[in-house]
Amino acid sequence: MAHSSSTTSRRQDGSIPSRGYVESDWEAKEALRQRELEEARARAAQMEKTMRWWSDCTANWREKWSKVRNERNKARDEAKLLRSKLDSALKDAATYKREKQELESHNEQMRKELERIHLLLLKHAGQWDNQLLEALDTTESDTPRETETDDREAEKDSAVETGSGEDVRLEISSSETSCQDTETLYQKLSMLQLRLDEATKTLQAEREEKSQLDRRAEKAEAEVVEWRERCEELRASRQDAVRELLDMQDQYKDAVALIQADLLDEATSREGMDRRLAELRAQLERLQAENAAEWGKRERLETEKLTLERENKRLRAEVRDMQERLERRSRPQTAADTDLRHLQQELNDKSKELSDLKHSQNKLKKTLADKTTELAHTTRRAEQYENEVKRLRGRVEELKRELAVAEDEVDSATNNIRKLQRTNDELQEQVEGLQVQLQHLQTRYLFFQFNLLPDKCLK
């Protein structure tokens, strides 16, 4: 019994340092896990800040893109309006050109008619001179009328020299044929005068239309200059947008690289946490096994305690019996004394062993309570770690989805910018075409003015 008590005390003394070492190792691992959890939280917060910054950049870029799109649509509408105005101006120019050609042909006909009338007038003027000479020959014999004849000749000469219409009519009335020719000439002259008035009015209207066309051409030229400036502004804004997009792409690449590095670190830390959770589970199972062993040891010690208590009771009963026998005996007996001392020594040993067992049992109870509390605390922490790992995994998956959405948005934005560049190139080509058409209009207008110069000279 003494040997068993000494063995039990040695086991208890050896288990105390081992428990202290396990507790210190457990605290170190707990501190390491706490630091890693804080680092994971800090990385998750940094990733959230990065994604928030990226969403702000995306919103700013969307706003700028909407402005550029509105300006592009406005420029396209204005280009369509300018094109329609240019088409109408081209149609008006073609109409004016046709009218000008008609007027030129009409003026040519009138010029030919006037030349023919001039020839007729010259012809009739020659006939009138012959008739006047014959009248002078017939009146030379009449002497009393010399003065009157001289006056008439002077008047006729002045009429011929000055071309007065009234004297010519007086001389033409001498013959019916000359009168009829004169009436037809006057009718033709009146008709030519009417045509000349109409041509003058037409030329005046054409001048007004030409001035309107000049104003419209100047206005179209000013609009083309304005459109050129707007195209330059759009080109500059497109270049700014492209530069901003390139900067944002660089920032996005840096952010993606940072997020990927964070994801790799997160995956590494997650694998480390998984390994530590496996170690914790193994340690928890080991502690549960140690707890079960401690419980078995406690039950065994309780059984030994009960056995020792029964043995103690039995020994006490024997001691009482022996004391009663000794009291009944009057003379001392050496052998009985020796047995009694031996029994008392055994009783003392049993009592000491019983007290040691009680003390060890109390220590085991205390250790068991500590282990139970520590086990419950470890279980709660393990559950908290598992929940935290699940939350971090969900957050990582959410960040991956947001990253994929951001990449899709960047791809769509890049495609939209390419479309905008193509549209801007098309608008530039349209503006260049409009400039070429405007130059053609200007050359046609100069040619039209150059053709009008002979008409002005004739007038």
Protein backbone atom coordinates (compact mmCIF):
# COMPACT_ATOMS: atom_id res chain seq x y z
CA MET A 1 0.00 0.00 0.00
CA ALA A 2 2.84 2.34 0.81
CA HIS A 3 4.44 1.52 -2.54
CA SER A 4 1.18 2.33 -4.40
CA SER A 5 0.81 5.65 -2.56
CA SER A 6 4.38 6.66 -3.46
CA THR A 7 3.75 5.74 -7.12
CA THR A 8 0.57 7.83 -7.19
CA SER A 9 2.34 10.84 -5.69
CA ARG A 10 5.15 10.55 -8.29
CA ARG A 11 2.56 10.48 -11.11
CA GLN A 12 0.87 13.58 -9.73
CA ASP A 13 4.18 15.40 -9.37
CA GLY A 14 5.12 14.50 -12.99
CA SER A 15 1.73 15.51 -14.43
CA ILE A 16 1.91 19.06 -12.99
CA PRO A 17 4.86 20.28 -15.17
CA SER A 18 3.41 18.55 -18.24
CA ARG A 19 0.12 20.41 -17.74
CA GLY A 20 1.99 23.70 -17.32
CA TYR A 21 3.90 23.11 -20.56
CA VAL A 22 0.65 22.25 -22.40
CA GLU A 23 -1.03 25.39 -21.05
CA SER A 24 1.89 27.64 -22.10
CA ASP A 25 1.94 26.03 -25.57
CA TRP A 26 -1.81 26.49 -25.81
CA GLU A 27 -1.56 30.19 -24.89
CA ALA A 28 1.20 30.74 -27.48
CA LYS A 29 -0.86 29.07 -30.19
CA GLU A 30 -3.91 31.04 -29.10
CA ALA A 31 -1.97 34.34 -29.36
CA LEU A 32 -0.65 33.34 -32.79
CA ARG A 33 -4.15 32.50 -34.00
CA GLN A 34 -5.43 35.80 -32.62
CA ARG A 35 -2.72 37.72 -34.50
CA GLU A 36 -3.46 35.87 -37.73
CA LEU A 37 -7.17 36.55 -37.30
CA GLU A 38 -6.43 40.27 -36.83
CA GLU A 39 -4.25 40.24 -39.95
CA ALA A 40 -7.03 38.53 -41.93
CA ARG A 41 -9.51 41.15 -40.71
CA ALA A 42 -7.12 43.96 -41.68
CA ARG A 43 -6.68 42.44 -45.15
CA ALA A 44 -10.43 42.11 -45.57
CA ALA A 45 -10.87 45.76 -44.54
CA GLN A 46 -8.15 46.79 -47.02
CA MET A 47 -9.88 44.82 -49.76
CA GLU A 48 -13.20 46.48 -48.91
CA LYS A 49 -11.54 49.91 -49.12
CA THR A 50 -9.99 48.98 -52.48
CA MET A 51 -13.31 47.78 -53.88
CA ARG A 52 -15.06 50.92 -52.56
CA TRP A 53 -12.42 53.09 -54.25
CA TRP A 54 -12.80 51.12 -57.43
CA SER A 55 -16.61 51.54 -57.34
CA ASP A 56 -16.16 55.32 -56.91
CA CYS A 57 -13.77 55.41 -59.88
CA THR A 58 -16.26 53.39 -61.93
CA ALA A 59 -19.07 55.82 -61.02
CA ASN A 60 -16.93 58.82 -62.01
CA TRP A 61 -15.98 57.15 -65.26
CA ARG A 62 -19.65 56.35 -65.99
CA GLU A 63 -20.58 60.00 -65.42
CA LYS A 64 -17.83 61.21 -67.78
CA TRP A 65 -18.80 58.58 -70.32
CA SER A 66 -22.45 59.73 -70.20
CA LYS A 67 -21.31 63.33 -70.80
CA VAL A 68 -19.17 62.29 -73.77
CA ARG A 69 -22.03 60.19 -75.13
CA ASN A 70 -24.46 63.13 -74.85
CA GLU A 71 -21.98 65.40 -76.61
CA ARG A 72 -21.48 62.76 -79.29
CA ASN A 73 -25.25 62.47 -79.84
CA LYS A 74 -25.59 66.25 -79.92
CA ALA A 75 -22.74 66.52 -82.43
CA ARG A 76 -24.33 63.82 -84.56
CA ASP A 77 -27.69 65.63 -84.56
CA GLU A 78 -26.03 68.93 -85.43
CA ALA A 79 -24.07 67.21 -88.21
CA LYS A 80 -27.33 65.83 -89.61
CA LEU A 81 -28.88 69.31 -89.44
CA LEU A 82 -25.85 70.84 -91.14
CA ARG A 83 -25.96 68.15 -93.80
CA SER A 84 -29.64 68.87 -94.47
CA LYS A 85 -28.85 72.59 -94.69
CA LEU A 86 -26.01 71.85 -97.08
CA ASP A 87 -28.29 69.70 -99.24
CA SER A 88 -30.88 72.47 -99.36
CA ALA A 89 -28.13 74.98 -100.21
CA LEU A 90 -26.91 72.70 -103.01
CA LYS A 91 -30.45 72.38 -104.34
CA ASP A 92 -30.92 76.16 -104.21
CA ALA A 93 -27.59 76.66 -105.96
CA ALA A 94 -28.61 74.23 -108.69
CA THR A 95 -31.95 76.04 -109.06
CA TYR A 96 -30.19 79.40 -109.24
CA LYS A 97 -27.79 78.02 -111.81
CA ARG A 98 -30.66 76.82 -114.00
CA GLU A 99 -32.43 80.18 -113.64
CA LYS A 100 -29.17 81.96 -114.49
CA GLN A 101 -28.76 79.86 -117.61
CA GLU A 102 -32.36 80.60 -118.61
CA LEU A 103 -31.80 84.32 -118.02
CA GLU A 104 -28.60 84.23 -120.03
CA SER A 105 -30.38 82.56 -122.93
CA HIS A 106 -33.25 85.07 -122.60
CA ASN A 107 -30.78 87.99 -122.54
CA GLU A 108 -29.05 86.57 -125.60
CA GLN A 109 -32.38 86.43 -127.42
CA MET A 110 -33.17 90.00 -126.38
CA ARG A 111 -29.72 91.14 -127.52
CA LYS A 112 -30.29 89.55 -130.92
CA GLU A 113 -33.75 91.15 -131.12
CA LEU A 114 -32.29 94.58 -130.27
CA GLU A 115 -29.61 94.19 -132.92
CA ARG A 116 -32.28 93.31 -135.47
CA ILE A 117 -34.35 96.33 -134.40
CA HIS A 118 -31.29 98.57 -134.69
CA LEU A 119 -30.71 97.27 -138.18
CA LEU A 120 -34.35 97.97 -139.09
CA LEU A 121 -34.10 101.47 -137.63
CA LEU A 122 -30.95 102.16 -139.60
CA LYS A 123 -32.63 100.85 -142.74
CA HIS A 124 -35.72 103.03 -142.24
CA ALA A 125 -33.52 106.00 -141.39
CA GLY A 126 -31.88 105.61 -144.85
CA GLN A 127 -35.33 105.55 -146.50
CA TRP A 128 -36.35 108.67 -144.58
CA ASP A 129 -33.24 110.49 -145.81
CA ASN A 130 -34.12 109.67 -149.44
CA GLN A 131 -37.69 110.88 -148.98
CA LEU A 132 -36.46 114.11 -147.42
CA LEU A 133 -34.10 114.75 -150.35
CA GLU A 134 -36.96 114.27 -152.82
CA ALA A 135 -39.15 116.69 -150.87
CA LEU A 136 -36.34 119.28 -150.91
CA ASP A 137 -35.99 118.97 -154.72
CA THR A 138 -39.73 119.56 -155.23
CA THR A 139 -39.82 122.65 -153.01
CA GLU A 140 -36.80 124.49 -154.43
CA SER A 141 -38.95 126.02 -157.29
CA ASP A 142 -41.28 127.68 -154.82
CA THR A 143 -39.52 131.03 -154.09
CA PRO A 144 -41.99 132.62 -151.72
CA ARG A 145 -41.49 129.73 -149.31
CA GLU A 146 -37.69 129.77 -149.18
CA THR A 147 -37.52 130.96 -145.66
CA GLU A 148 -40.03 128.39 -144.49
CA THR A 149 -38.24 125.69 -146.47
CA ASP A 150 -34.93 126.70 -144.94
CA ASP A 151 -36.48 126.58 -141.52
CA ARG A 152 -37.95 123.16 -142.22
CA GLU A 153 -34.64 121.91 -143.60
CA ALA A 154 -32.88 123.19 -140.51
CA GLU A 155 -35.47 121.53 -138.34
CA LYS A 156 -35.23 118.31 -140.36
CA ASP A 157 -31.44 118.39 -140.25
CA SER A 158 -31.57 118.91 -136.52
CA ALA A 159 -34.14 116.13 -136.27
CA VAL A 160 -31.92 113.82 -138.28
CA GLU A 161 -28.87 114.79 -136.30
CA THR A 162 -30.51 114.57 -132.92
CA GLY A 163 -32.81 111.66 -133.77
CA SER A 164 -35.93 113.34 -132.35
CA GLY A 165 -38.94 111.04 -132.50
CA GLU A 166 -41.56 113.72 -133.16
CA ASP A 167 -39.93 115.08 -136.39
CA VAL A 168 -39.38 111.55 -137.60
CA ARG A 169 -43.07 110.78 -137.05
CA LEU A 170 -44.06 113.93 -139.05
CA GLU A 171 -41.89 112.85 -141.93
CA ILE A 172 -43.08 109.23 -141.71
CA SER A 173 -46.73 110.33 -141.90
CA SER A 174 -46.12 111.38 -145.52
CA SER A 175 -46.44 107.79 -146.61
CA GLU A 176 -48.67 104.97 -145.39
CA THR A 177 -45.98 102.33 -145.66
CA SER A 178 -43.58 104.26 -143.44
CA CYS A 179 -46.36 104.82 -140.89
CA GLN A 180 -47.16 101.14 -140.69
CA ASP A 181 -43.47 100.26 -140.25
CA THR A 182 -43.14 102.85 -137.53
CA GLU A 183 -46.16 101.53 -135.64
CA THR A 184 -44.82 97.99 -135.77
CA LEU A 185 -41.44 99.27 -134.60
CA TYR A 186 -43.06 101.08 -131.69
CA GLN A 187 -45.01 98.00 -130.77
CA LYS A 188 -41.84 95.94 -130.85
CA LEU A 189 -40.03 98.62 -128.86
CA SER A 190 -42.80 98.61 -126.24
CA MET A 191 -42.67 94.83 -126.07
CA LEU A 192 -38.89 94.94 -125.80
CA GLN A 193 -39.21 97.58 -123.10
CA LEU A 194 -41.59 95.34 -121.18
CA ARG A 195 -39.23 92.40 -121.59
CA LEU A 196 -36.34 94.58 -120.53
CA ASP A 197 -38.28 95.65 -117.42
CA GLU A 198 -39.09 92.04 -116.65
CA ALA A 199 -35.44 91.08 -117.18
CA THR A 200 -34.39 93.94 -114.89
CA LYS A 201 -36.81 92.77 -112.22
CA THR A 202 -35.59 89.20 -112.66
CA LEU A 203 -31.98 90.32 -112.37
CA GLN A 204 -32.85 92.33 -109.26
CA ALA A 205 -34.55 89.29 -107.74
CA GLU A 206 -31.56 87.19 -108.76
CA ARG A 207 -29.21 89.69 -107.09
CA GLU A 208 -31.30 89.50 -103.91
CA GLU A 209 -31.29 85.71 -104.05
CA LYS A 210 -27.55 85.80 -104.73
CA SER A 211 -27.06 88.02 -101.66
CA GLN A 212 -29.21 85.61 -99.64
CA LEU A 213 -27.13 82.73 -101.00
CA ASP A 214 -23.97 84.64 -100.00
CA ARG A 215 -25.32 85.11 -96.51
CA ARG A 216 -26.32 81.46 -96.31
CA ALA A 217 -22.91 80.40 -97.60
CA GLU A 218 -21.21 82.62 -95.00
CA LYS A 219 -23.50 81.19 -92.35
CA ALA A 220 -22.73 77.64 -93.53
CA GLU A 221 -19.02 78.46 -93.49
CA ALA A 222 -19.33 79.83 -89.95
CA GLU A 223 -21.23 76.69 -88.94
CA VAL A 224 -18.52 74.54 -90.54
CA VAL A 225 -15.87 76.48 -88.59
CA GLU A 226 -17.92 76.03 -85.43
CA TRP A 227 -18.31 72.34 -86.17
CA ARG A 228 -14.60 72.08 -86.76
CA GLU A 229 -13.97 73.68 -83.37
CA ARG A 230 -16.48 71.32 -81.79
CA CYS A 231 -14.79 68.38 -83.47
CA GLU A 232 -11.47 69.59 -82.10
CA GLU A 233 -13.04 69.87 -78.66
CA LEU A 234 -14.53 66.39 -79.03
CA ARG A 235 -11.16 65.08 -80.15
CA ALA A 236 -9.48 66.72 -77.16
CA SER A 237 -12.17 65.38 -74.81
CA ARG A 238 -11.79 61.94 -76.41
CA GLN A 239 -8.04 62.08 -75.88
CA ASP A 240 -8.62 63.15 -72.27
CA ALA A 241 -11.11 60.31 -71.83
CA VAL A 242 -8.66 57.86 -73.39
CA ARG A 243 -5.89 59.09 -71.10
CA GLU A 244 -8.18 58.83 -68.08
CA LEU A 245 -9.23 55.37 -69.19
CA LEU A 246 -5.60 54.32 -69.57
CA ASP A 247 -4.84 55.72 -66.12
CA MET A 248 -7.87 53.92 -64.73
CA GLN A 249 -6.80 50.73 -66.48
CA ASP A 250 -3.34 51.04 -64.94
CA GLN A 251 -4.90 51.70 -61.55
CA TYR A 252 -7.28 48.81 -62.12
CA LYS A 253 -4.38 46.52 -63.02
CA ASP A 254 -2.54 47.60 -59.89
CA ALA A 255 -5.69 47.13 -57.82
CA VAL A 256 -6.30 43.72 -59.42
CA ALA A 257 -2.70 42.71 -58.74
CA LEU A 258 -3.07 43.90 -55.15
CA ILE A 259 -6.39 42.08 -54.78
CA GLN A 260 -4.91 38.94 -56.30
CA ALA A 261 -1.97 39.17 -53.90
CA ASP A 262 -4.42 39.70 -51.04
CA LEU A 263 -6.46 36.74 -52.28
CA LEU A 264 -3.32 34.60 -52.42
CA ASP A 265 -2.38 35.74 -48.92
CA GLU A 266 -5.94 35.11 -47.83
CA ALA A 267 -5.88 31.64 -49.39
CA THR A 268 -2.54 30.95 -47.71
CA SER A 269 -3.81 32.24 -44.38
CA ARG A 270 -7.01 30.25 -44.87
CA GLU A 271 -4.99 27.10 -45.50
CA GLY A 272 -2.94 27.91 -42.40
CA MET A 273 -6.12 28.44 -40.42
CA ASP A 274 -7.49 25.16 -41.76
CA ARG A 275 -4.30 23.43 -40.65
CA ARG A 276 -4.51 25.12 -37.26
CA LEU A 277 -8.16 24.14 -36.97
CA ALA A 278 -7.16 20.56 -37.72
CA GLU A 279 -4.44 20.84 -35.07
CA LEU A 280 -6.98 22.32 -32.67
CA ARG A 281 -9.40 19.50 -33.40
CA ALA A 282 -6.61 16.96 -32.83
CA GLN A 283 -5.59 18.74 -29.64
CA LEU A 284 -9.23 18.87 -28.58
CA GLU A 285 -9.57 15.14 -29.19
CA ARG A 286 -6.35 14.59 -27.26
CA LEU A 287 -7.66 16.71 -24.38
CA GLN A 288 -10.93 14.81 -24.49
CA ALA A 289 -8.96 11.55 -24.34
CA GLU A 290 -6.90 12.92 -21.42
CA ASN A 291 -10.11 14.03 -19.76
CA ALA A 292 -11.58 10.57 -20.22
CA ALA A 293 -8.37 9.09 -18.80
CA GLU A 294 -8.54 11.50 -15.86
CA TRP A 295 -12.15 10.55 -15.30
CA GLY A 296 -11.19 6.86 -15.37
CA LYS A 297 -8.34 7.56 -12.97
CA ARG A 298 -10.72 9.47 -10.73
CA GLU A 299 -13.21 6.62 -10.73
CA ARG A 300 -10.41 4.17 -9.99
CA LEU A 301 -9.16 6.37 -7.14
CA GLU A 302 -12.67 6.69 -5.79
CA THR A 303 -12.99 2.92 -5.92
CA GLU A 304 -9.66 2.57 -4.09
CA LYS A 305 -10.83 5.20 -1.61
CA LEU A 306 -13.99 3.27 -0.90
CA THR A 307 -11.96 0.09 -0.55
CA LEU A 308 -9.55 1.84 1.83
CA GLU A 309 -12.42 3.27 3.83
CA ARG A 310 -13.93 -0.18 4.19
CA GLU A 311 -10.53 -1.56 5.12
CA ASN A 312 -10.09 1.28 7.60
CA LYS A 313 -13.44 0.56 9.16
CA ARG A 314 -12.57 -3.09 9.36
CA LEU A 315 -9.20 -2.31 10.94
CA ARG A 316 -10.80 0.07 13.40
CA ALA A 317 -13.28 -2.62 14.34
CA GLU A 318 -10.42 -5.06 14.82
CA VAL A 319 -8.55 -2.47 16.88
CA ARG A 320 -11.55 -1.95 19.03
CA ASP A 321 -11.90 -5.71 19.43
CA MET A 322 -8.27 -6.06 20.35
CA GLN A 323 -8.47 -3.20 22.80
CA GLU A 324 -11.47 -4.84 24.42
CA ARG A 325 -9.55 -8.10 24.63
CA LEU A 326 -6.60 -6.32 26.15
CA GLU A 327 -8.82 -4.69 28.67
CA ARG A 328 -10.30 -8.06 29.59
CA ARG A 329 -6.92 -9.53 30.07
CA SER A 330 -5.20 -8.53 33.17
CA ARG A 331 -1.66 -9.48 32.41
CA PRO A 332 0.20 -8.10 29.51
CA GLN A 333 1.17 -10.23 26.70
CA THR A 334 4.19 -9.44 24.65
CA ALA A 335 2.96 -10.98 21.46
CA ALA A 336 -0.34 -9.16 21.71
CA ASP A 337 1.49 -5.87 22.32
CA THR A 338 3.65 -6.50 19.33
CA ASP A 339 0.64 -7.28 17.20
CA LEU A 340 -1.11 -4.23 18.54
CA ARG A 341 1.81 -1.97 17.72
CA HIS A 342 2.03 -3.55 14.34
CA LEU A 343 -1.66 -3.02 13.78
CA GLN A 344 -1.43 0.56 15.00
CA GLN A 345 1.49 1.16 12.62
CA GLU A 346 -0.53 -0.26 9.77
CA LEU A 347 -3.49 1.85 10.85
CA ASN A 348 -1.35 4.97 10.82
CA ASP A 349 0.02 4.06 7.39
CA LYS A 350 -3.47 3.47 6.11
CA SER A 351 -4.64 6.78 7.56
CA LYS A 352 -1.69 8.61 5.97
CA GLU A 353 -2.28 6.91 2.65
CA LEU A 354 -5.96 7.78 2.93
CA SER A 355 -5.15 11.44 3.55
CA ASP A 356 -2.74 11.41 0.59
CA LEU A 357 -5.41 9.87 -1.55
CA LYS A 358 -7.91 12.52 -0.43
CA HIS A 359 -5.40 15.26 -1.21
CA SER A 360 -4.63 13.79 -4.64
CA GLN A 361 -8.35 13.36 -5.25
CA ASN A 362 -8.97 17.04 -4.47
CA LYS A 363 -6.14 18.01 -6.83
CA LEU A 364 -7.57 15.78 -9.54
CA LYS A 365 -11.02 17.31 -9.03
CA LYS A 366 -9.55 20.79 -9.35
CA THR A 367 -7.52 19.79 -12.42
CA LEU A 368 -10.61 18.16 -13.92
CA ALA A 369 -12.67 21.32 -13.36
CA ASP A 370 -9.90 23.44 -14.94
CA LYS A 371 -9.63 21.09 -17.89
CA THR A 372 -13.41 21.08 -18.32
CA THR A 373 -13.54 24.89 -18.28
CA GLU A 374 -10.57 25.11 -20.65
CA LEU A 375 -12.20 22.54 -22.93
CA ALA A 376 -15.46 24.52 -23.03
CA HIS A 377 -13.54 27.75 -23.70
CA THR A 378 -11.52 26.03 -26.44
CA THR A 379 -14.69 24.65 -27.99
CA ARG A 380 -16.29 28.10 -28.02
CA ARG A 381 -13.17 29.64 -29.56
CA ALA A 382 -13.00 26.90 -32.15
CA GLU A 383 -16.64 27.59 -33.07
CA GLN A 384 -15.90 31.32 -33.24
CA TYR A 385 -12.89 30.65 -35.47
CA GLU A 386 -14.97 28.43 -37.72
CA ASN A 387 -17.66 31.12 -37.99
CA GLU A 388 -15.01 33.76 -38.69
CA VAL A 389 -13.42 31.56 -41.35
CA LYS A 390 -16.83 30.99 -42.96
CA ARG A 391 -17.53 34.73 -42.93
CA LEU A 392 -14.11 35.49 -44.44
CA ARG A 393 -14.65 32.84 -47.10
CA GLY A 394 -18.02 34.38 -47.96
CA ARG A 395 -16.42 37.83 -48.10
CA VAL A 396 -13.63 36.54 -50.35
CA GLU A 397 -16.20 34.99 -52.69
CA GLU A 398 -18.16 38.25 -52.72
CA LEU A 399 -14.99 40.21 -53.51
CA LYS A 400 -14.23 37.76 -56.32
CA ARG A 401 -17.71 38.33 -57.76
CA GLU A 402 -17.31 42.10 -57.46
CA LEU A 403 -13.92 41.83 -59.15
CA ALA A 404 -15.46 39.87 -62.02
CA VAL A 405 -18.25 42.47 -62.35
CA ALA A 406 -15.67 45.27 -62.35
CA GLU A 407 -13.67 43.48 -65.06
CA ASP A 408 -16.84 43.11 -67.14
CA GLU A 409 -17.59 46.82 -66.69
CA VAL A 410 -14.05 47.74 -67.75
CA ASP A 411 -14.36 45.53 -70.84
CA SER A 412 -17.71 47.11 -71.77
CA ALA A 413 -16.25 50.57 -71.18
CA THR A 414 -13.30 49.74 -73.44
CA ASN A 415 -15.69 48.54 -76.15
CA ASN A 416 -17.77 51.70 -75.79
CA ILE A 417 -14.65 53.86 -76.11
CA ARG A 418 -13.69 52.00 -79.27
CA LYS A 419 -17.19 52.59 -80.65
CA LEU A 420 -16.89 56.27 -79.71
CA GLN A 421 -13.55 56.48 -81.50
CA ARG A 422 -15.05 54.93 -84.62
CA THR A 423 -18.03 57.31 -84.42
CA ASN A 424 -15.70 60.27 -83.98
CA ASP A 425 -13.69 59.16 -87.02
CA GLU A 426 -16.92 58.91 -89.02
CA LEU A 427 -17.94 62.40 -87.86
CA GLN A 428 -14.49 63.69 -88.85
CA GLU A 429 -14.90 62.16 -92.30
CA GLN A 430 -18.36 63.73 -92.58
CA VAL A 431 -16.96 67.13 -91.58
CA GLU A 432 -14.20 66.78 -94.17
CA GLY A 433 -16.81 65.87 -96.78
CA LEU A 434 -18.86 68.91 -95.77
CA GLN A 435 -15.76 71.08 -96.09
CA VAL A 436 -15.12 69.72 -99.59
CA GLN A 437 -18.75 70.39 -100.52
CA LEU A 438 -18.46 73.91 -99.10
CA GLN A 439 -15.34 74.51 -101.19
CA HIS A 440 -17.25 73.31 -104.26
CA LEU A 441 -20.07 75.71 -103.40
CA GLN A 442 -17.59 78.56 -103.00
CA THR A 443 -16.01 77.79 -106.38
CA ARG A 444 -19.47 77.60 -107.97
CA TYR A 445 -20.39 80.89 -106.34
CA LEU A 446 -17.21 82.54 -107.64
CA PHE A 447 -17.92 81.15 -111.10
CA PHE A 448 -21.49 82.47 -110.83
CA GLN A 449 -20.19 85.94 -109.91
CA PHE A 450 -17.67 85.78 -112.76
CA ASN A 451 -20.48 84.96 -115.20
CA LEU A 452 -22.59 87.86 -113.91
CA LEU A 453 -19.81 90.40 -114.64
CA PRO A 454 -20.47 90.50 -118.45
CA ASP A 455 -24.18 91.12 -117.83
CA LYS A 456 -23.34 94.06 -115.59
CA CYS A 457 -20.94 95.39 -118.21
CA LEU A 458 -23.65 95.15 -120.88
CA LYS A 459 -26.07 97.05 -118.69
